């Protein structure tokens, strides 16, 4: 089973239906969506209603006073503990994931030798200009004479949690730092320091799975 996990807040309700559609469209059959939301005013109406009839959704809504929100790192940790799958896939609520996303990522972990996989390249879309872009941190670094050993390149290649897929046991053993920015790169850094650089797969996506 794959547990797709998402931290969110009540300021992001407009993204919630699209998040569910991305999850539901995944070709991987045995899956669940774990959403950890903090809210100051009211929880997500979309997920509150959906949770009443959808067994694949685990929705946890926690009231926090204005200005006292929990960090993204803490919410990621809660989601990992709530998950029931062998694998955890992080979905950000404002990103789009193609139906073959999980089927493309999970096989890297199935033989047991790897602990995590993340995209080292991805596509972006600018709604204002209606233009597509392609992000490739490794190619960017090489163009500047820097390979993956340089911190500037490594942080960009490994440091974006929207595409993290890892063994749940890893998340239980390590945990994310209790912070909002940079918790994802530190998670991967700690994992590699324990298990070795090669325990994380960098997947170069030029097809458009995300």
C-alpha atoms as a PDB file:
ATOM      1  CA  UNK A   1       0.000   0.000   0.000  1.00  0.00           C
ATOM      2  CA  UNK A   2       1.027   3.590  -0.707  1.00  0.00           C
ATOM      3  CA  UNK A   3       0.033   6.350   1.696  1.00  0.00           C
ATOM      4  CA  UNK A   4      -0.119   9.720  -0.033  1.00  0.00           C
ATOM      5  CA  UNK A   5       0.367  12.401   2.634  1.00  0.00           C
ATOM      6  CA  UNK A   6      -0.342  16.127   2.512  1.00  0.00           C
ATOM      7  CA  UNK A   7       0.059  18.894   5.107  1.00  0.00           C
ATOM      8  CA  UNK A   8      -2.294  21.819   4.543  1.00  0.00           C
ATOM      9  CA  UNK A   9      -4.093  24.779   6.146  1.00  0.00           C
ATOM     10  CA  UNK A  10      -7.445  26.545   5.911  1.00  0.00           C
ATOM     11  CA  UNK A  11      -5.914  29.162   3.604  1.00  0.00           C
ATOM     12  CA  UNK A  12      -5.531  26.482   0.935  1.00  0.00           C
ATOM     13  CA  UNK A  13      -9.064  25.142   0.638  1.00  0.00           C
ATOM     14  CA  UNK A  14      -9.226  26.065  -3.052  1.00  0.00           C
ATOM     15  CA  UNK A  15      -6.615  23.381  -3.800  1.00  0.00           C
ATOM     16  CA  UNK A  16      -8.261  20.502  -1.969  1.00  0.00           C
ATOM     17  CA  UNK A  17     -10.548  19.187  -4.686  1.00  0.00           C
ATOM     18  CA  UNK A  18      -7.690  19.136  -7.207  1.00  0.00           C
ATOM     19  CA  UNK A  19      -5.518  17.297  -4.677  1.00  0.00           C
ATOM     20  CA  UNK A  20      -8.157  14.604  -4.314  1.00  0.00           C
ATOM     21  CA  UNK A  21      -8.535  14.283  -8.081  1.00  0.00           C
ATOM     22  CA  UNK A  22      -4.765  13.810  -8.461  1.00  0.00           C
ATOM     23  CA  UNK A  23      -4.855  11.118  -5.795  1.00  0.00           C
ATOM     24  CA  UNK A  24      -7.932   9.381  -7.186  1.00  0.00           C
ATOM     25  CA  UNK A  25      -6.483   9.327 -10.709  1.00  0.00           C
ATOM     26  CA  UNK A  26      -3.356   7.451  -9.631  1.00  0.00           C
ATOM     27  CA  UNK A  27      -3.082   4.109 -11.415  1.00  0.00           C
ATOM     28  CA  UNK A  28      -1.708   2.515  -8.248  1.00  0.00           C
ATOM     29  CA  UNK A  29      -4.674   0.625  -6.788  1.00  0.00           C
ATOM     30  CA  UNK A  30      -3.876   0.073  -3.105  1.00  0.00           C
ATOM     31  CA  UNK A  31      -3.606   3.615  -1.802  1.00  0.00           C
ATOM     32  CA  UNK A  32      -4.882   6.068   0.791  1.00  0.00           C
ATOM     33  CA  UNK A  33      -4.717   9.845   1.175  1.00  0.00           C
ATOM     34  CA  UNK A  34      -3.727  11.221   4.584  1.00  0.00           C
ATOM     35  CA  UNK A  35      -4.424  14.952   4.962  1.00  0.00           C
ATOM     36  CA  UNK A  36      -3.304  16.853   8.054  1.00  0.00           C
ATOM     37  CA  UNK A  37      -4.939  20.276   8.172  1.00  0.00           C
ATOM     38  CA  UNK A  38      -4.567  23.045  10.716  1.00  0.00           C
ATOM     39  CA  UNK A  39      -7.211  25.751  10.680  1.00  0.00           C
ATOM     40  CA  UNK A  40      -7.940  29.002  12.488  1.00  0.00           C
ATOM     41  CA  UNK A  41     -11.512  29.526  11.230  1.00  0.00           C
ATOM     42  CA  UNK A  42     -12.999  26.337   9.810  1.00  0.00           C
ATOM     43  CA  UNK A  43     -11.736  23.033   8.409  1.00  0.00           C
ATOM     44  CA  UNK A  44     -11.940  22.060   4.768  1.00  0.00           C
ATOM     45  CA  UNK A  45     -15.586  21.580   3.795  1.00  0.00           C
ATOM     46  CA  UNK A  46     -14.535  19.458   0.841  1.00  0.00           C
ATOM     47  CA  UNK A  47     -12.531  16.952   2.885  1.00  0.00           C
ATOM     48  CA  UNK A  48     -14.944  17.017   5.829  1.00  0.00           C
ATOM     49  CA  UNK A  49     -17.796  15.856   3.589  1.00  0.00           C
ATOM     50  CA  UNK A  50     -15.673  13.448   1.565  1.00  0.00           C
ATOM     51  CA  UNK A  51     -14.341  11.714   4.686  1.00  0.00           C
ATOM     52  CA  UNK A  52     -17.904  10.677   5.610  1.00  0.00           C
ATOM     53  CA  UNK A  53     -18.167   8.380   2.595  1.00  0.00           C
ATOM     54  CA  UNK A  54     -14.608   7.729   1.358  1.00  0.00           C
ATOM     55  CA  UNK A  55     -12.639   5.019   3.221  1.00  0.00           C
ATOM     56  CA  UNK A  56      -9.424   5.841   1.361  1.00  0.00           C
ATOM     57  CA  UNK A  57      -9.299   9.295   2.966  1.00  0.00           C
ATOM     58  CA  UNK A  58      -7.793   9.916   6.399  1.00  0.00           C
ATOM     59  CA  UNK A  59      -8.589  13.543   7.224  1.00  0.00           C
ATOM     60  CA  UNK A  60      -7.331  15.092  10.454  1.00  0.00           C
ATOM     61  CA  UNK A  61      -8.322  18.720  11.103  1.00  0.00           C
ATOM     62  CA  UNK A  62      -6.775  20.474  14.101  1.00  0.00           C
ATOM     63  CA  UNK A  63      -7.760  23.929  15.323  1.00  0.00           C
ATOM     64  CA  UNK A  64      -4.870  26.302  15.955  1.00  0.00           C
ATOM     65  CA  UNK A  65      -5.210  29.939  17.067  1.00  0.00           C
ATOM     66  CA  UNK A  66      -4.278  32.583  14.512  1.00  0.00           C
ATOM     67  CA  UNK A  67      -0.500  32.993  14.456  1.00  0.00           C
ATOM     68  CA  UNK A  68       0.131  29.707  16.279  1.00  0.00           C
ATOM     69  CA  UNK A  69       0.075  27.267  13.386  1.00  0.00           C
ATOM     70  CA  UNK A  70       2.067  24.054  13.490  1.00  0.00           C
ATOM     71  CA  UNK A  71       5.028  23.702  11.152  1.00  0.00           C
ATOM     72  CA  UNK A  72       4.969  21.781   7.886  1.00  0.00           C
ATOM     73  CA  UNK A  73       7.605  19.445   9.304  1.00  0.00           C
ATOM     74  CA  UNK A  74       5.441  18.566  12.301  1.00  0.00           C
ATOM     75  CA  UNK A  75       2.413  17.944  10.098  1.00  0.00           C
ATOM     76  CA  UNK A  76       4.491  15.705   7.818  1.00  0.00           C
ATOM     77  CA  UNK A  77       5.502  13.651  10.863  1.00  0.00           C
ATOM     78  CA  UNK A  78       1.899  13.315  12.043  1.00  0.00           C
ATOM     79  CA  UNK A  79       0.877  12.157   8.565  1.00  0.00           C
ATOM     80  CA  UNK A  80       3.614   9.514   8.530  1.00  0.00           C
ATOM     81  CA  UNK A  81       2.400   8.142  11.873  1.00  0.00           C
ATOM     82  CA  UNK A  82      -1.212   8.118  10.648  1.00  0.00           C
ATOM     83  CA  UNK A  83      -0.261   6.333   7.419  1.00  0.00           C
ATOM     84  CA  UNK A  84      -0.872   2.612   7.001  1.00  0.00           C
ATOM     85  CA  UNK A  85       1.136   1.979   3.832  1.00  0.00           C
ATOM     86  CA  UNK A  86       4.582   0.483   3.408  1.00  0.00           C
ATOM     87  CA  UNK A  87       5.472   3.487   1.269  1.00  0.00           C
ATOM     88  CA  UNK A  88       4.796   7.187   1.864  1.00  0.00           C
ATOM     89  CA  UNK A  89       4.412   9.605  -1.056  1.00  0.00           C
ATOM     90  CA  UNK A  90       4.357  13.338  -0.357  1.00  0.00           C
ATOM     91  CA  UNK A  91       1.861  15.324  -2.432  1.00  0.00           C
ATOM     92  CA  UNK A  92       1.798  19.109  -2.084  1.00  0.00           C
ATOM     93  CA  UNK A  93      -1.722  20.510  -2.312  1.00  0.00           C
ATOM     94  CA  UNK A  94      -0.820  22.990  -5.074  1.00  0.00           C
ATOM     95  CA  UNK A  95       0.997  20.551  -7.386  1.00  0.00           C
ATOM     96  CA  UNK A  96      -0.335  18.232 -10.082  1.00  0.00           C
ATOM     97  CA  UNK A  97       0.652  14.572 -10.344  1.00  0.00           C
ATOM     98  CA  UNK A  98       0.027  12.514 -13.475  1.00  0.00           C
ATOM     99  CA  UNK A  99      -1.889   9.216 -13.155  1.00  0.00           C
ATOM    100  CA  UNK A 100       1.317   7.198 -13.651  1.00  0.00           C
ATOM    101  CA  UNK A 101       3.245   9.122 -10.978  1.00  0.00           C
ATOM    102  CA  UNK A 102       3.126   6.489  -8.223  1.00  0.00           C
ATOM    103  CA  UNK A 103       3.603   3.642 -10.691  1.00  0.00           C
ATOM    104  CA  UNK A 104       6.725   5.404 -11.957  1.00  0.00           C
ATOM    105  CA  UNK A 105       8.226   6.119  -8.517  1.00  0.00           C
ATOM    106  CA  UNK A 106       7.428   3.087  -6.329  1.00  0.00           C
ATOM    107  CA  UNK A 107       9.312   0.457  -8.418  1.00  0.00           C
ATOM    108  CA  UNK A 108      12.612   2.092  -7.429  1.00  0.00           C
ATOM    109  CA  UNK A 109      11.933   1.001  -3.839  1.00  0.00           C
ATOM    110  CA  UNK A 110      10.488  -2.454  -4.353  1.00  0.00           C
ATOM    111  CA  UNK A 111      13.742  -4.429  -4.384  1.00  0.00           C
ATOM    112  CA  UNK A 112      14.596  -3.258  -0.854  1.00  0.00           C
ATOM    113  CA  UNK A 113      17.998  -1.707  -1.546  1.00  0.00           C
ATOM    114  CA  UNK A 114      16.790   1.902  -1.795  1.00  0.00           C
ATOM    115  CA  UNK A 115      15.097   3.931   0.926  1.00  0.00           C
ATOM    116  CA  UNK A 116      13.675   6.894  -0.989  1.00  0.00           C
ATOM    117  CA  UNK A 117      13.206   8.380  -4.444  1.00  0.00           C
ATOM    118  CA  UNK A 118      12.691  11.990  -5.499  1.00  0.00           C
ATOM    119  CA  UNK A 119      12.439  13.847  -8.783  1.00  0.00           C
ATOM    120  CA  UNK A 120      15.610  15.598  -9.911  1.00  0.00           C
ATOM    121  CA  UNK A 121      13.694  17.417 -12.660  1.00  0.00           C
ATOM    122  CA  UNK A 122      10.106  18.534 -13.090  1.00  0.00           C
ATOM    123  CA  UNK A 123       7.776  20.745 -15.107  1.00  0.00           C
ATOM    124  CA  UNK A 124       6.228  24.046 -14.009  1.00  0.00           C
ATOM    125  CA  UNK A 125       3.377  26.108 -15.407  1.00  0.00           C
ATOM    126  CA  UNK A 126       2.977  29.874 -15.022  1.00  0.00           C
ATOM    127  CA  UNK A 127      -0.729  30.745 -14.877  1.00  0.00           C
ATOM    128  CA  UNK A 128      -0.079  34.433 -15.518  1.00  0.00           C
ATOM    129  CA  UNK A 129       1.870  33.939 -18.754  1.00  0.00           C
ATOM    130  CA  UNK A 130       0.424  30.511 -19.672  1.00  0.00           C
ATOM    131  CA  UNK A 131       3.964  29.285 -20.263  1.00  0.00           C
ATOM    132  CA  UNK A 132       5.564  25.953 -19.404  1.00  0.00           C
ATOM    133  CA  UNK A 133       9.011  25.593 -17.916  1.00  0.00           C
ATOM    134  CA  UNK A 134      11.354  22.726 -17.093  1.00  0.00           C
ATOM    135  CA  UNK A 135      13.461  22.627 -13.918  1.00  0.00           C
ATOM    136  CA  UNK A 136      16.639  20.545 -13.990  1.00  0.00           C
ATOM    137  CA  UNK A 137      18.963  21.466 -11.084  1.00  0.00           C
ATOM    138  CA  UNK A 138      21.707  19.053 -12.149  1.00  0.00           C
ATOM    139  CA  UNK A 139      21.858  20.442 -15.691  1.00  0.00           C
ATOM    140  CA  UNK A 140      21.758  23.963 -14.214  1.00  0.00           C
ATOM    141  CA  UNK A 141      24.744  23.137 -12.036  1.00  0.00           C
ATOM    142  CA  UNK A 142      26.756  21.550 -14.826  1.00  0.00           C
ATOM    143  CA  UNK A 143      26.197  24.638 -16.974  1.00  0.00           C
ATOM    144  CA  UNK A 144      27.874  26.620 -14.200  1.00  0.00           C
ATOM    145  CA  UNK A 145      30.705  24.151 -13.699  1.00  0.00           C
ATOM    146  CA  UNK A 146      29.186  22.528 -10.611  1.00  0.00           C
ATOM    147  CA  UNK A 147      28.312  18.853 -10.243  1.00  0.00           C
ATOM    148  CA  UNK A 148      26.111  17.160  -7.648  1.00  0.00           C
ATOM    149  CA  UNK A 149      28.825  17.427  -4.993  1.00  0.00           C
ATOM    150  CA  UNK A 150      28.211  21.182  -4.743  1.00  0.00           C
ATOM    151  CA  UNK A 151      25.742  22.170  -2.028  1.00  0.00           C
ATOM    152  CA  UNK A 152      23.920  24.627  -4.308  1.00  0.00           C
ATOM    153  CA  UNK A 153      23.107  21.789  -6.704  1.00  0.00           C
ATOM    154  CA  UNK A 154      22.467  19.131  -4.085  1.00  0.00           C
ATOM    155  CA  UNK A 155      19.953  21.269  -2.199  1.00  0.00           C
ATOM    156  CA  UNK A 156      17.917  21.784  -5.362  1.00  0.00           C
ATOM    157  CA  UNK A 157      18.160  18.180  -6.584  1.00  0.00           C
ATOM    158  CA  UNK A 158      17.276  16.557  -3.245  1.00  0.00           C
ATOM    159  CA  UNK A 159      15.552  19.385  -1.402  1.00  0.00           C
ATOM    160  CA  UNK A 160      11.980  19.622  -2.665  1.00  0.00           C
ATOM    161  CA  UNK A 161       9.601  17.509  -0.618  1.00  0.00           C
ATOM    162  CA  UNK A 162       6.703  17.642  -3.088  1.00  0.00           C
ATOM    163  CA  UNK A 163       8.172  14.598  -4.853  1.00  0.00           C
ATOM    164  CA  UNK A 164       9.472  12.541  -1.914  1.00  0.00           C
ATOM    165  CA  UNK A 165       8.532   8.871  -1.879  1.00  0.00           C
ATOM    166  CA  UNK A 166      10.075   6.792   0.899  1.00  0.00           C
ATOM    167  CA  UNK A 167       9.617   3.762   3.103  1.00  0.00           C
ATOM    168  CA  UNK A 168       7.337   4.569   6.012  1.00  0.00           C
ATOM    169  CA  UNK A 169       9.857   3.005   8.383  1.00  0.00           C
ATOM    170  CA  UNK A 170      12.350   5.676   7.320  1.00  0.00           C
ATOM    171  CA  UNK A 171       9.924   8.437   8.280  1.00  0.00           C
ATOM    172  CA  UNK A 172       9.253   6.854  11.656  1.00  0.00           C
ATOM    173  CA  UNK A 173      12.963   6.464  12.398  1.00  0.00           C
ATOM    174  CA  UNK A 174      14.131   9.894  11.245  1.00  0.00           C
ATOM    175  CA  UNK A 175      11.276  12.430  11.405  1.00  0.00           C
ATOM    176  CA  UNK A 176      11.225  15.878   9.829  1.00  0.00           C
ATOM    177  CA  UNK A 177      12.542  18.888  11.697  1.00  0.00           C
ATOM    178  CA  UNK A 178       9.844  21.064  13.310  1.00  0.00           C
ATOM    179  CA  UNK A 179      10.143  23.882  10.761  1.00  0.00           C
ATOM    180  CA  UNK A 180       8.396  25.331   7.696  1.00  0.00           C
ATOM    181  CA  UNK A 181      11.243  25.831   5.244  1.00  0.00           C
ATOM    182  CA  UNK A 182      14.099  23.436   4.553  1.00  0.00           C
ATOM    183  CA  UNK A 183      12.691  20.532   6.550  1.00  0.00           C
ATOM    184  CA  UNK A 184      12.585  18.435   3.399  1.00  0.00           C
ATOM    185  CA  UNK A 185      16.275  18.773   2.460  1.00  0.00           C
ATOM    186  CA  UNK A 186      17.353  18.103   6.057  1.00  0.00           C
ATOM    187  CA  UNK A 187      15.242  14.929   6.040  1.00  0.00           C
ATOM    188  CA  UNK A 188      17.064  13.634   2.972  1.00  0.00           C
ATOM    189  CA  UNK A 189      20.425  14.789   4.313  1.00  0.00           C
ATOM    190  CA  UNK A 190      19.925  12.863   7.557  1.00  0.00           C
ATOM    191  CA  UNK A 191      18.735   9.793   5.651  1.00  0.00           C
ATOM    192  CA  UNK A 192      21.823   9.781   3.443  1.00  0.00           C
ATOM    193  CA  UNK A 193      24.150  10.304   6.403  1.00  0.00           C
ATOM    194  CA  UNK A 194      22.691   7.168   8.000  1.00  0.00           C
ATOM    195  CA  UNK A 195      22.166   4.916   5.002  1.00  0.00           C
ATOM    196  CA  UNK A 196      24.662   6.260   2.460  1.00  0.00           C
ATOM    197  CA  UNK A 197      24.395   8.632  -0.489  1.00  0.00           C
ATOM    198  CA  UNK A 198      23.094   5.914  -2.812  1.00  0.00           C
ATOM    199  CA  UNK A 199      20.076   5.041  -0.669  1.00  0.00           C
ATOM    200  CA  UNK A 200      18.119   7.844  -2.390  1.00  0.00           C
ATOM    201  CA  UNK A 201      17.272   7.584  -6.080  1.00  0.00           C
ATOM    202  CA  UNK A 202      17.219  10.744  -8.194  1.00  0.00           C
ATOM    203  CA  UNK A 203      14.640  10.271 -10.941  1.00  0.00           C
ATOM    204  CA  UNK A 204      15.117  12.491 -13.990  1.00  0.00           C
ATOM    205  CA  UNK A 205      11.624  13.109 -15.360  1.00  0.00           C
ATOM    206  CA  UNK A 206      11.481  14.455 -18.889  1.00  0.00           C
ATOM    207  CA  UNK A 207       8.092  12.869 -19.575  1.00  0.00           C
ATOM    208  CA  UNK A 208       5.908  14.956 -17.282  1.00  0.00           C
ATOM    209  CA  UNK A 209       4.723  12.808 -14.385  1.00  0.00           C
ATOM    210  CA  UNK A 210       4.729  15.925 -12.189  1.00  0.00           C
END
